[in-house]
């Protein structure tokens, strides 16, 4: 299955329409050999200080600055169900097409999700700056 990972539901609906992925399911849309899913912008957020060390849960001058060796991301509480859906779809995907916004933030959102979920398969990029049908079809014909 080819999985399209979008940044937001409205973007996913527009892309799914052009892919013929019209069958709706919780947190995604399906078509023949294709699924389209989305985040709500950032599904992940930086872990709070206490995730690194319980003693950092209370701010004290002597514990600053907090500079972890490896920064951690956590699933946002309100996004847990959608993250679970995305992760399940990633485990079934033969290929992911990153269809987030065509900017640094969109790229970061998509790559963080793939990394956090442990996805290691092939990734291509849908690069588009408009969501009208003609622009989507053109970008689909030129996946990077």
N, C-alpha and C. Protein backbone atom coordinates (compact mmCIF):
# COMPACT_ATOMS: atom_id res chain seq x y z
N UNK A 1 0.84 -1.17 0.00
CA UNK A 1 0.00 0.00 0.00
C UNK A 1 0.89 1.24 0.00
N UNK A 2 0.50 2.23 -0.77
CA UNK A 2 1.16 3.52 -0.79
C UNK A 2 0.40 4.43 0.17
N UNK A 3 1.11 4.99 1.16
CA UNK A 3 0.50 5.84 2.17
C UNK A 3 0.92 7.28 1.97
N UNK A 4 -0.07 8.16 1.85
CA UNK A 4 0.18 9.60 1.76
C UNK A 4 -0.01 10.18 3.15
N UNK A 5 1.02 10.84 3.66
CA UNK A 5 0.98 11.47 4.98
C UNK A 5 0.86 12.97 4.80
N UNK A 6 -0.30 13.50 5.15
CA UNK A 6 -0.58 14.93 5.01
C UNK A 6 -0.47 15.63 6.35
N UNK A 7 -0.42 16.95 6.30
CA UNK A 7 -0.27 17.73 7.52
C UNK A 7 -1.60 17.98 8.22
N UNK A 8 -2.67 18.06 7.44
CA UNK A 8 -3.97 18.39 8.05
C UNK A 8 -5.09 17.71 7.26
N UNK A 9 -6.24 17.53 7.91
CA UNK A 9 -7.36 16.81 7.27
C UNK A 9 -7.84 17.43 5.95
N UNK A 10 -7.93 18.74 5.86
CA UNK A 10 -8.43 19.37 4.63
C UNK A 10 -7.49 19.07 3.46
N UNK A 11 -6.21 19.12 3.69
CA UNK A 11 -5.22 18.80 2.67
C UNK A 11 -5.37 17.34 2.24
N UNK A 12 -5.57 16.45 3.21
CA UNK A 12 -5.73 15.03 2.92
C UNK A 12 -6.96 14.78 2.06
N UNK A 13 -8.06 15.44 2.36
CA UNK A 13 -9.29 15.26 1.58
C UNK A 13 -9.08 15.65 0.12
N UNK A 14 -8.40 16.77 -0.11
CA UNK A 14 -8.16 17.23 -1.48
C UNK A 14 -7.28 16.25 -2.25
N UNK A 15 -6.23 15.78 -1.61
CA UNK A 15 -5.32 14.83 -2.27
C UNK A 15 -6.01 13.48 -2.47
N UNK A 16 -6.74 13.02 -1.47
CA UNK A 16 -7.45 11.74 -1.56
C UNK A 16 -8.44 11.75 -2.73
N UNK A 17 -9.11 12.86 -2.92
CA UNK A 17 -10.08 12.98 -4.02
C UNK A 17 -9.39 12.72 -5.35
N UNK A 18 -8.21 13.30 -5.55
CA UNK A 18 -7.49 13.12 -6.82
C UNK A 18 -6.91 11.71 -6.96
N UNK A 19 -6.67 11.04 -5.84
CA UNK A 19 -6.16 9.66 -5.88
C UNK A 19 -7.27 8.63 -5.97
N UNK A 20 -8.50 9.06 -5.84
CA UNK A 20 -9.62 8.12 -5.83
C UNK A 20 -9.77 7.39 -4.51
N UNK A 21 -9.18 7.93 -3.47
CA UNK A 21 -9.28 7.34 -2.12
C UNK A 21 -10.52 7.92 -1.44
N UNK A 22 -11.68 7.38 -1.78
CA UNK A 22 -12.95 7.95 -1.34
C UNK A 22 -13.58 7.19 -0.18
N UNK A 23 -13.04 6.03 0.17
CA UNK A 23 -13.61 5.25 1.28
C UNK A 23 -13.06 5.79 2.59
N UNK A 24 -13.94 6.35 3.41
CA UNK A 24 -13.52 6.97 4.67
C UNK A 24 -13.43 5.94 5.79
N UNK A 25 -12.44 6.13 6.61
CA UNK A 25 -12.24 5.32 7.81
C UNK A 25 -11.79 6.28 8.90
N UNK A 26 -11.69 5.80 10.11
CA UNK A 26 -11.25 6.67 11.21
C UNK A 26 -9.83 7.17 10.93
N UNK A 27 -9.67 8.47 10.79
CA UNK A 27 -8.35 9.08 10.63
C UNK A 27 -7.68 8.88 9.30
N UNK A 28 -8.40 8.36 8.30
CA UNK A 28 -7.79 8.16 6.99
C UNK A 28 -8.85 7.95 5.92
N UNK A 29 -8.40 7.92 4.68
CA UNK A 29 -9.25 7.59 3.54
C UNK A 29 -8.51 6.56 2.71
N UNK A 30 -9.25 5.59 2.13
CA UNK A 30 -8.65 4.51 1.37
C UNK A 30 -9.13 4.51 -0.07
N UNK A 31 -8.28 3.99 -0.93
CA UNK A 31 -8.61 3.74 -2.32
C UNK A 31 -7.91 2.47 -2.73
N UNK A 32 -7.87 2.19 -3.99
CA UNK A 32 -7.23 0.99 -4.50
C UNK A 32 -5.71 1.08 -4.34
N UNK A 33 -5.16 0.35 -3.36
CA UNK A 33 -3.71 0.33 -3.14
C UNK A 33 -3.14 1.59 -2.53
N UNK A 34 -4.01 2.48 -2.05
CA UNK A 34 -3.55 3.75 -1.51
C UNK A 34 -4.36 4.12 -0.27
N UNK A 35 -3.69 4.79 0.67
CA UNK A 35 -4.36 5.35 1.84
C UNK A 35 -3.81 6.76 2.05
N UNK A 36 -4.66 7.62 2.57
CA UNK A 36 -4.27 9.00 2.86
C UNK A 36 -4.61 9.27 4.31
N UNK A 37 -3.63 9.75 5.08
CA UNK A 37 -3.86 10.08 6.48
C UNK A 37 -3.25 11.43 6.77
N UNK A 38 -3.39 11.88 8.00
CA UNK A 38 -2.98 13.25 8.33
C UNK A 38 -2.62 13.38 9.79
N UNK A 39 -1.92 14.48 10.05
CA UNK A 39 -1.71 14.94 11.41
C UNK A 39 -2.68 16.07 11.65
N UNK A 40 -2.53 16.72 12.73
CA UNK A 40 -3.28 17.95 13.01
C UNK A 40 -2.23 19.02 13.20
N UNK A 41 -1.40 19.20 12.17
CA UNK A 41 -0.19 19.98 12.37
C UNK A 41 0.77 19.09 13.13
N UNK A 42 1.16 19.51 14.29
CA UNK A 42 2.14 18.73 15.08
C UNK A 42 1.43 17.67 15.93
N UNK A 43 1.67 16.40 15.61
CA UNK A 43 1.19 15.32 16.47
C UNK A 43 2.13 15.13 17.65
N UNK A 44 3.37 15.59 17.49
CA UNK A 44 4.40 15.42 18.50
C UNK A 44 4.82 16.77 19.07
N UNK A 45 5.30 16.74 20.30
CA UNK A 45 5.80 17.95 20.95
C UNK A 45 7.06 17.60 21.74
N UNK A 46 7.85 18.60 22.05
CA UNK A 46 9.05 18.37 22.86
C UNK A 46 8.64 17.84 24.23
N UNK A 47 9.39 16.85 24.70
CA UNK A 47 9.13 16.28 26.02
C UNK A 47 9.41 17.33 27.10
N UNK A 48 8.63 17.33 28.17
CA UNK A 48 8.88 18.29 29.26
C UNK A 48 10.13 17.89 30.03
N UNK A 49 10.71 18.80 30.79
CA UNK A 49 11.96 18.51 31.52
C UNK A 49 11.89 17.25 32.39
N UNK A 50 10.74 17.00 33.03
CA UNK A 50 10.64 15.83 33.92
C UNK A 50 10.71 14.50 33.16
N UNK A 51 10.56 14.52 31.84
CA UNK A 51 10.70 13.30 31.06
C UNK A 51 12.17 12.86 31.01
N UNK A 52 13.08 13.80 31.21
CA UNK A 52 14.51 13.50 31.21
C UNK A 52 14.99 13.10 32.60
N UNK A 53 14.43 13.74 33.61
CA UNK A 53 14.82 13.49 35.00
C UNK A 53 13.70 14.05 35.89
N UNK A 54 13.18 13.22 36.77
CA UNK A 54 12.07 13.65 37.64
C UNK A 54 12.42 14.90 38.43
N UNK A 55 13.67 15.07 38.79
CA UNK A 55 14.08 16.24 39.58
C UNK A 55 13.94 17.54 38.79
N UNK A 56 13.86 17.44 37.48
CA UNK A 56 13.73 18.65 36.67
C UNK A 56 12.29 19.14 36.57
N UNK A 57 11.35 18.41 37.18
CA UNK A 57 9.95 18.81 37.17
C UNK A 57 9.70 20.09 37.95
N UNK A 58 10.55 20.39 38.89
CA UNK A 58 10.46 21.63 39.65
C UNK A 58 11.63 22.53 39.25
N UNK A 59 11.30 23.74 38.85
CA UNK A 59 12.33 24.66 38.39
C UNK A 59 13.16 25.16 39.57
N UNK A 60 14.46 24.98 39.43
CA UNK A 60 15.42 25.51 40.40
C UNK A 60 16.60 26.06 39.60
N UNK A 61 17.11 27.15 40.04
CA UNK A 61 18.22 27.80 39.34
C UNK A 61 19.40 26.87 39.15
N UNK A 62 19.68 26.01 40.14
CA UNK A 62 20.86 25.13 40.04
C UNK A 62 20.70 24.02 39.00
N UNK A 63 19.50 23.78 38.52
CA UNK A 63 19.32 22.74 37.49
C UNK A 63 19.34 23.31 36.07
N UNK A 64 19.47 24.62 35.96
CA UNK A 64 19.48 25.26 34.64
C UNK A 64 20.90 25.48 34.15
N UNK A 65 21.17 25.44 32.89
CA UNK A 65 20.24 25.14 31.81
C UNK A 65 20.02 23.62 31.69
N UNK A 66 18.90 23.25 31.13
CA UNK A 66 18.58 21.84 30.88
C UNK A 66 19.03 21.55 29.45
N UNK A 67 20.06 20.74 29.32
CA UNK A 67 20.61 20.42 28.00
C UNK A 67 20.74 18.91 27.84
N UNK A 68 19.66 18.24 27.44
CA UNK A 68 19.72 16.79 27.28
C UNK A 68 20.67 16.39 26.15
N UNK A 69 21.26 15.21 26.28
CA UNK A 69 22.12 14.70 25.20
C UNK A 69 21.31 14.43 23.96
N UNK A 70 20.11 13.89 24.13
CA UNK A 70 19.22 13.56 23.03
C UNK A 70 17.84 14.16 23.34
N UNK A 71 17.38 15.09 22.52
CA UNK A 71 16.06 15.68 22.71
C UNK A 71 15.00 14.64 22.41
N UNK A 72 13.93 14.63 23.19
CA UNK A 72 12.86 13.65 23.03
C UNK A 72 11.57 14.33 22.59
N UNK A 73 10.82 13.58 21.79
CA UNK A 73 9.49 14.02 21.39
C UNK A 73 8.46 13.10 22.02
N UNK A 74 7.29 13.65 22.32
CA UNK A 74 6.18 12.86 22.85
C UNK A 74 4.93 13.17 22.05
N UNK A 75 4.06 12.19 21.97
CA UNK A 75 2.78 12.39 21.30
C UNK A 75 1.95 13.35 22.16
N UNK A 76 1.41 14.38 21.51
CA UNK A 76 0.55 15.32 22.24
C UNK A 76 -0.68 14.58 22.75
N UNK A 77 -1.13 14.85 23.97
CA UNK A 77 -2.28 14.13 24.53
C UNK A 77 -3.53 14.14 23.65
N UNK A 78 -3.84 15.27 23.03
CA UNK A 78 -5.04 15.37 22.20
C UNK A 78 -4.87 14.68 20.84
N UNK A 79 -3.65 14.25 20.52
CA UNK A 79 -3.38 13.64 19.21
C UNK A 79 -3.10 12.14 19.30
N UNK A 80 -3.26 11.54 20.48
CA UNK A 80 -2.89 10.14 20.66
C UNK A 80 -3.64 9.20 19.72
N UNK A 81 -4.92 9.39 19.55
CA UNK A 81 -5.70 8.48 18.70
C UNK A 81 -5.26 8.60 17.24
N UNK A 82 -5.06 9.82 16.75
CA UNK A 82 -4.63 9.99 15.36
C UNK A 82 -3.22 9.45 15.17
N UNK A 83 -2.35 9.64 16.14
CA UNK A 83 -0.99 9.08 16.03
C UNK A 83 -1.05 7.56 15.96
N UNK A 84 -1.93 6.94 16.74
CA UNK A 84 -2.08 5.49 16.72
C UNK A 84 -2.52 5.03 15.32
N UNK A 85 -3.42 5.76 14.71
CA UNK A 85 -3.90 5.44 13.35
C UNK A 85 -2.75 5.58 12.35
N UNK A 86 -2.01 6.67 12.42
CA UNK A 86 -0.89 6.90 11.50
C UNK A 86 0.15 5.79 11.67
N UNK A 87 0.46 5.45 12.89
CA UNK A 87 1.46 4.41 13.15
C UNK A 87 1.02 3.05 12.59
N UNK A 88 -0.27 2.72 12.76
CA UNK A 88 -0.79 1.46 12.21
C UNK A 88 -0.67 1.45 10.69
N UNK A 89 -1.04 2.56 10.06
CA UNK A 89 -0.95 2.64 8.60
C UNK A 89 0.51 2.57 8.13
N UNK A 90 1.42 3.19 8.86
CA UNK A 90 2.83 3.12 8.50
C UNK A 90 3.34 1.68 8.55
N UNK A 91 2.85 0.90 9.51
CA UNK A 91 3.30 -0.50 9.61
C UNK A 91 2.79 -1.33 8.44
N UNK A 92 1.76 -0.88 7.75
CA UNK A 92 1.21 -1.59 6.60
C UNK A 92 1.70 -1.06 5.26
N UNK A 93 2.40 0.07 5.29
CA UNK A 93 2.78 0.75 4.05
C UNK A 93 4.01 0.13 3.40
N UNK A 94 3.95 0.04 2.06
CA UNK A 94 5.11 -0.37 1.27
C UNK A 94 5.96 0.85 0.93
N UNK A 95 5.30 2.00 0.90
CA UNK A 95 5.96 3.25 0.56
C UNK A 95 5.16 4.40 1.17
N UNK A 96 5.86 5.44 1.61
CA UNK A 96 5.20 6.63 2.13
C UNK A 96 5.47 7.78 1.18
N UNK A 97 4.44 8.55 0.92
CA UNK A 97 4.60 9.80 0.18
C UNK A 97 4.31 10.91 1.17
N UNK A 98 5.34 11.69 1.45
CA UNK A 98 5.21 12.81 2.38
C UNK A 98 4.50 13.94 1.63
N UNK A 99 3.27 14.23 2.08
CA UNK A 99 2.44 15.21 1.40
C UNK A 99 2.11 16.38 2.32
N UNK A 100 3.00 16.66 3.25
CA UNK A 100 2.82 17.81 4.15
C UNK A 100 3.10 19.09 3.38
N UNK A 101 2.87 20.24 4.02
CA UNK A 101 3.10 21.52 3.37
C UNK A 101 4.53 21.60 2.82
N UNK A 102 4.67 22.33 1.73
CA UNK A 102 5.96 22.47 1.05
C UNK A 102 6.78 23.60 1.69
N UNK A 103 7.12 23.41 2.94
CA UNK A 103 7.99 24.36 3.64
C UNK A 103 8.77 23.60 4.70
N UNK A 104 9.67 24.29 5.40
CA UNK A 104 10.50 23.62 6.41
C UNK A 104 9.67 22.99 7.51
N UNK A 105 8.64 23.70 7.95
CA UNK A 105 7.81 23.17 9.03
C UNK A 105 7.05 21.92 8.58
N UNK A 106 6.50 21.93 7.37
CA UNK A 106 5.81 20.76 6.85
C UNK A 106 6.74 19.57 6.73
N UNK A 107 7.92 19.81 6.24
CA UNK A 107 8.92 18.73 6.11
C UNK A 107 9.28 18.18 7.49
N UNK A 108 9.48 19.07 8.45
CA UNK A 108 9.82 18.65 9.81
C UNK A 108 8.70 17.83 10.44
N UNK A 109 7.47 18.28 10.29
CA UNK A 109 6.32 17.56 10.85
C UNK A 109 6.30 16.13 10.31
N UNK A 110 6.40 15.99 9.01
CA UNK A 110 6.36 14.66 8.40
C UNK A 110 7.52 13.78 8.81
N UNK A 111 8.72 14.32 8.78
CA UNK A 111 9.92 13.53 9.11
C UNK A 111 9.93 13.12 10.59
N UNK A 112 9.47 14.01 11.47
CA UNK A 112 9.40 13.66 12.89
C UNK A 112 8.44 12.50 13.13
N UNK A 113 7.31 12.51 12.45
CA UNK A 113 6.34 11.42 12.60
C UNK A 113 6.96 10.12 12.12
N UNK A 114 7.57 10.14 10.94
CA UNK A 114 8.18 8.92 10.41
C UNK A 114 9.27 8.39 11.34
N UNK A 115 10.09 9.28 11.85
CA UNK A 115 11.18 8.88 12.75
C UNK A 115 10.63 8.33 14.06
N UNK A 116 9.70 9.04 14.67
CA UNK A 116 9.15 8.64 15.96
C UNK A 116 8.43 7.30 15.87
N UNK A 117 7.76 7.06 14.74
CA UNK A 117 7.02 5.81 14.53
C UNK A 117 7.94 4.66 14.11
N UNK A 118 9.19 4.98 13.82
CA UNK A 118 10.15 3.93 13.45
C UNK A 118 10.01 3.45 12.02
N UNK A 119 9.41 4.25 11.14
CA UNK A 119 9.26 3.85 9.74
C UNK A 119 10.61 3.87 9.05
N UNK A 120 10.94 2.77 8.34
CA UNK A 120 12.24 2.67 7.67
C UNK A 120 12.13 2.32 6.19
N UNK A 121 10.92 2.41 5.63
CA UNK A 121 10.73 2.07 4.22
C UNK A 121 11.01 3.24 3.30
N UNK A 122 10.73 3.05 2.02
CA UNK A 122 10.96 4.13 1.04
C UNK A 122 10.03 5.32 1.27
N UNK A 123 10.56 6.51 1.02
CA UNK A 123 9.80 7.75 1.19
C UNK A 123 9.97 8.59 -0.07
N UNK A 124 8.87 9.07 -0.59
CA UNK A 124 8.90 10.03 -1.69
C UNK A 124 8.20 11.30 -1.21
N UNK A 125 8.32 12.37 -2.00
CA UNK A 125 7.80 13.67 -1.58
C UNK A 125 6.83 14.18 -2.62
N UNK A 126 5.64 14.56 -2.17
CA UNK A 126 4.67 15.26 -3.01
C UNK A 126 4.88 16.74 -2.75
N UNK A 127 5.37 17.45 -3.75
CA UNK A 127 5.72 18.85 -3.58
C UNK A 127 4.69 19.70 -4.31
N UNK A 128 3.82 20.35 -3.54
CA UNK A 128 2.83 21.21 -4.18
C UNK A 128 2.57 22.42 -3.29
N UNK A 129 2.24 23.52 -3.95
CA UNK A 129 2.01 24.75 -3.20
C UNK A 129 0.56 25.21 -3.32
N UNK A 130 -0.26 24.46 -4.07
CA UNK A 130 -1.68 24.79 -4.21
C UNK A 130 -2.47 23.48 -4.16
N UNK A 131 -3.69 23.56 -3.68
CA UNK A 131 -4.50 22.36 -3.52
C UNK A 131 -5.68 22.29 -4.49
N UNK A 132 -5.57 23.01 -5.61
CA UNK A 132 -6.61 22.87 -6.63
C UNK A 132 -6.34 21.57 -7.40
N UNK A 133 -7.37 20.98 -8.00
CA UNK A 133 -7.21 19.68 -8.66
C UNK A 133 -6.07 19.62 -9.68
N UNK A 134 -5.92 20.64 -10.51
CA UNK A 134 -4.87 20.62 -11.54
C UNK A 134 -3.48 20.61 -10.90
N UNK A 135 -3.27 21.40 -9.86
CA UNK A 135 -1.97 21.43 -9.18
C UNK A 135 -1.66 20.10 -8.51
N UNK A 136 -2.66 19.50 -7.91
CA UNK A 136 -2.45 18.20 -7.25
C UNK A 136 -2.11 17.14 -8.30
N UNK A 137 -2.84 17.09 -9.40
CA UNK A 137 -2.55 16.10 -10.45
C UNK A 137 -1.15 16.28 -11.01
N UNK A 138 -0.74 17.53 -11.21
CA UNK A 138 0.60 17.79 -11.73
C UNK A 138 1.66 17.31 -10.74
N UNK A 139 1.48 17.60 -9.47
CA UNK A 139 2.46 17.18 -8.46
C UNK A 139 2.48 15.66 -8.32
N UNK A 140 1.33 15.01 -8.40
CA UNK A 140 1.28 13.54 -8.33
C UNK A 140 2.05 12.89 -9.48
N UNK A 141 2.07 13.55 -10.62
CA UNK A 141 2.80 13.03 -11.79
C UNK A 141 4.30 13.24 -11.66
N UNK A 142 4.72 14.04 -10.67
CA UNK A 142 6.15 14.38 -10.54
C UNK A 142 6.64 14.14 -9.12
N UNK A 143 6.30 13.00 -8.53
CA UNK A 143 6.75 12.72 -7.16
C UNK A 143 8.27 12.74 -7.08
N UNK A 144 8.76 13.32 -6.01
CA UNK A 144 10.22 13.40 -5.80
C UNK A 144 10.68 12.27 -4.89
